[in-house]
C-alpha atoms as a PDB file:
ATOM      1  CA  UNK A   1      30.863 -57.963 -23.478  1.00  0.00           C
ATOM      2  CA  UNK A   2      33.089 -55.013 -25.024  1.00  0.00           C
ATOM      3  CA  UNK A   3      36.164 -53.759 -23.239  1.00  0.00           C
ATOM      4  CA  UNK A   4      36.164 -50.041 -23.675  1.00  0.00           C
ATOM      5  CA  UNK A   5      38.244 -47.168 -22.538  1.00  0.00           C
ATOM      6  CA  UNK A   6      37.203 -43.520 -21.767  1.00  0.00           C
ATOM      7  CA  UNK A   7      39.313 -40.556 -21.329  1.00  0.00           C
ATOM      8  CA  UNK A   8      38.847 -38.418 -19.312  1.00  0.00           C
ATOM      9  CA  UNK A   9      40.153 -34.418 -19.315  1.00  0.00           C
ATOM     10  CA  UNK A  10      38.972 -33.149 -16.315  1.00  0.00           C
ATOM     11  CA  UNK A  11      38.028 -29.124 -16.452  1.00  0.00           C
ATOM     12  CA  UNK A  12      40.781 -27.018 -14.395  1.00  0.00           C
ATOM     13  CA  UNK A  13      37.894 -25.551 -12.740  1.00  0.00           C
ATOM     14  CA  UNK A  14      36.725 -28.399 -11.451  1.00  0.00           C
ATOM     15  CA  UNK A  15      40.008 -28.775  -9.157  1.00  0.00           C
ATOM     16  CA  UNK A  16      39.738 -25.257  -7.501  1.00  0.00           C
ATOM     17  CA  UNK A  17      38.928 -27.623  -4.164  1.00  0.00           C
ATOM     18  CA  UNK A  18      39.601 -30.993  -3.961  1.00  0.00           C
ATOM     19  CA  UNK A  19      36.346 -31.968  -1.535  1.00  0.00           C
ATOM     20  CA  UNK A  20      34.379 -30.626  -4.351  1.00  0.00           C
ATOM     21  CA  UNK A  21      36.280 -33.540  -6.552  1.00  0.00           C
ATOM     22  CA  UNK A  22      35.655 -35.507  -4.717  1.00  0.00           C
ATOM     23  CA  UNK A  23      31.829 -35.188  -4.402  1.00  0.00           C
ATOM     24  CA  UNK A  24      31.528 -34.154  -7.765  1.00  0.00           C
ATOM     25  CA  UNK A  25      33.912 -38.087  -8.957  1.00  0.00           C
ATOM     26  CA  UNK A  26      31.604 -39.919  -5.892  1.00  0.00           C
ATOM     27  CA  UNK A  27      27.983 -38.278  -8.007  1.00  0.00           C
ATOM     28  CA  UNK A  28      29.600 -39.524 -11.855  1.00  0.00           C
ATOM     29  CA  UNK A  29      29.607 -42.948  -9.837  1.00  0.00           C
ATOM     30  CA  UNK A  30      26.128 -42.611  -8.528  1.00  0.00           C
ATOM     31  CA  UNK A  31      24.893 -41.929 -11.643  1.00  0.00           C
ATOM     32  CA  UNK A  32      26.349 -43.973 -13.811  1.00  0.00           C
ATOM     33  CA  UNK A  33      25.886 -46.714 -11.964  1.00  0.00           C
ATOM     34  CA  UNK A  34      22.209 -46.245 -11.708  1.00  0.00           C
ATOM     35  CA  UNK A  35      21.202 -44.785 -15.512  1.00  0.00           C
ATOM     36  CA  UNK A  36      23.878 -47.121 -16.743  1.00  0.00           C
ATOM     37  CA  UNK A  37      23.036 -50.817 -15.347  1.00  0.00           C
ATOM     38  CA  UNK A  38      24.821 -52.857 -18.132  1.00  0.00           C
ATOM     39  CA  UNK A  39      28.253 -50.812 -17.878  1.00  0.00           C
ATOM     40  CA  UNK A  40      30.613 -52.357 -15.155  1.00  0.00           C
ATOM     41  CA  UNK A  41      33.774 -50.917 -13.835  1.00  0.00           C
ATOM     42  CA  UNK A  42      37.027 -52.581 -14.633  1.00  0.00           C
ATOM     43  CA  UNK A  43      39.575 -49.725 -13.630  1.00  0.00           C
ATOM     44  CA  UNK A  44      40.212 -46.084 -13.150  1.00  0.00           C
ATOM     45  CA  UNK A  45      43.766 -44.797 -13.668  1.00  0.00           C
ATOM     46  CA  UNK A  46      45.314 -41.009 -12.942  1.00  0.00           C
ATOM     47  CA  UNK A  47      47.309 -40.513 -15.615  1.00  0.00           C
ATOM     48  CA  UNK A  48      50.055 -38.222 -16.486  1.00  0.00           C
ATOM     49  CA  UNK A  49      49.579 -36.496 -19.796  1.00  0.00           C
ATOM     50  CA  UNK A  50      47.086 -35.548 -22.565  1.00  0.00           C
ATOM     51  CA  UNK A  51      44.013 -36.406 -20.584  1.00  0.00           C
ATOM     52  CA  UNK A  52      43.731 -37.083 -16.851  1.00  0.00           C
ATOM     53  CA  UNK A  53      42.179 -39.943 -16.139  1.00  0.00           C
ATOM     54  CA  UNK A  54      41.428 -43.339 -17.624  1.00  0.00           C
ATOM     55  CA  UNK A  55      38.569 -45.918 -17.548  1.00  0.00           C
ATOM     56  CA  UNK A  56      38.543 -49.436 -18.201  1.00  0.00           C
ATOM     57  CA  UNK A  57      35.065 -50.668 -18.484  1.00  0.00           C
ATOM     58  CA  UNK A  58      32.904 -53.824 -20.278  1.00  0.00           C
ATOM     59  CA  UNK A  59      29.391 -53.499 -21.557  1.00  0.00           C
ATOM     60  CA  UNK A  60      27.262 -55.203 -24.051  1.00  0.00           C
ATOM     61  CA  UNK A  61      25.270 -52.079 -25.141  1.00  0.00           C
ATOM     62  CA  UNK A  62      27.458 -49.753 -26.431  1.00  0.00           C
ATOM     63  CA  UNK A  63      25.242 -47.088 -26.284  1.00  0.00           C
ATOM     64  CA  UNK A  64      25.027 -47.184 -22.793  1.00  0.00           C
ATOM     65  CA  UNK A  65      29.114 -46.779 -22.747  1.00  0.00           C
ATOM     66  CA  UNK A  66      28.010 -43.588 -24.646  1.00  0.00           C
ATOM     67  CA  UNK A  67      25.697 -42.289 -22.098  1.00  0.00           C
ATOM     68  CA  UNK A  68      28.373 -42.794 -19.163  1.00  0.00           C
ATOM     69  CA  UNK A  69      30.643 -41.123 -21.571  1.00  0.00           C
ATOM     70  CA  UNK A  70      28.102 -38.458 -21.375  1.00  0.00           C
ATOM     71  CA  UNK A  71      27.810 -38.318 -17.564  1.00  0.00           C
ATOM     72  CA  UNK A  72      31.237 -37.472 -17.720  1.00  0.00           C
ATOM     73  CA  UNK A  73      31.325 -35.029 -19.744  1.00  0.00           C
ATOM     74  CA  UNK A  74      28.150 -32.938 -17.825  1.00  0.00           C
ATOM     75  CA  UNK A  75      28.756 -34.002 -13.837  1.00  0.00           C
ATOM     76  CA  UNK A  76      31.809 -34.437 -14.102  1.00  0.00           C
ATOM     77  CA  UNK A  77      33.280 -31.242 -16.178  1.00  0.00           C
ATOM     78  CA  UNK A  78      35.167 -32.990 -18.109  1.00  0.00           C
ATOM     79  CA  UNK A  79      35.789 -33.410 -22.384  1.00  0.00           C
ATOM     80  CA  UNK A  80      35.987 -37.438 -23.250  1.00  0.00           C
ATOM     81  CA  UNK A  81      37.202 -39.515 -25.558  1.00  0.00           C
ATOM     82  CA  UNK A  82      35.891 -43.505 -25.449  1.00  0.00           C
ATOM     83  CA  UNK A  83      37.401 -45.966 -27.536  1.00  0.00           C
ATOM     84  CA  UNK A  84      36.412 -49.826 -28.264  1.00  0.00           C
ATOM     85  CA  UNK A  85      39.477 -51.864 -27.649  1.00  0.00           C
ATOM     86  CA  UNK A  86      40.143 -55.480 -28.417  1.00  0.00           C
ATOM     87  CA  UNK A  87      42.426 -57.765 -26.391  1.00  0.00           C
ATOM     88  CA  UNK A  88      45.699 -58.317 -28.462  1.00  0.00           C
ATOM     89  CA  UNK A  89      45.499 -62.041 -28.394  1.00  0.00           C
ATOM     90  CA  UNK A  90      42.180 -62.241 -30.249  1.00  0.00           C
ATOM     91  CA  UNK A  91      43.318 -59.223 -32.485  1.00  0.00           C
ATOM     92  CA  UNK A  92      46.678 -60.405 -33.763  1.00  0.00           C
ATOM     93  CA  UNK A  93      44.063 -64.320 -33.429  1.00  0.00           C
ATOM     94  CA  UNK A  94      42.091 -61.945 -36.130  1.00  0.00           C
ATOM     95  CA  UNK A  95      44.641 -61.089 -38.735  1.00  0.00           C
END
């Protein structure tokens, strides 16, 4: 399984009503769970800075990670950037 980081910048129009945003987040989660079964969600963080959310996922299928990112974009009204991540020790060992 490979680790991926998905960075999301939420559209300001998605945040008018907190209860609507919570429903939208649940919809995105359910859709990814159904359509991307090989994506394992490890953790999510709300962050300050250029992005609003950092999601950490694992998968053996990069195509399903791409699909999950597109679901976040289309249903979560967010811009996303997805990066493949390597554990620091493994990176150093490969040098």
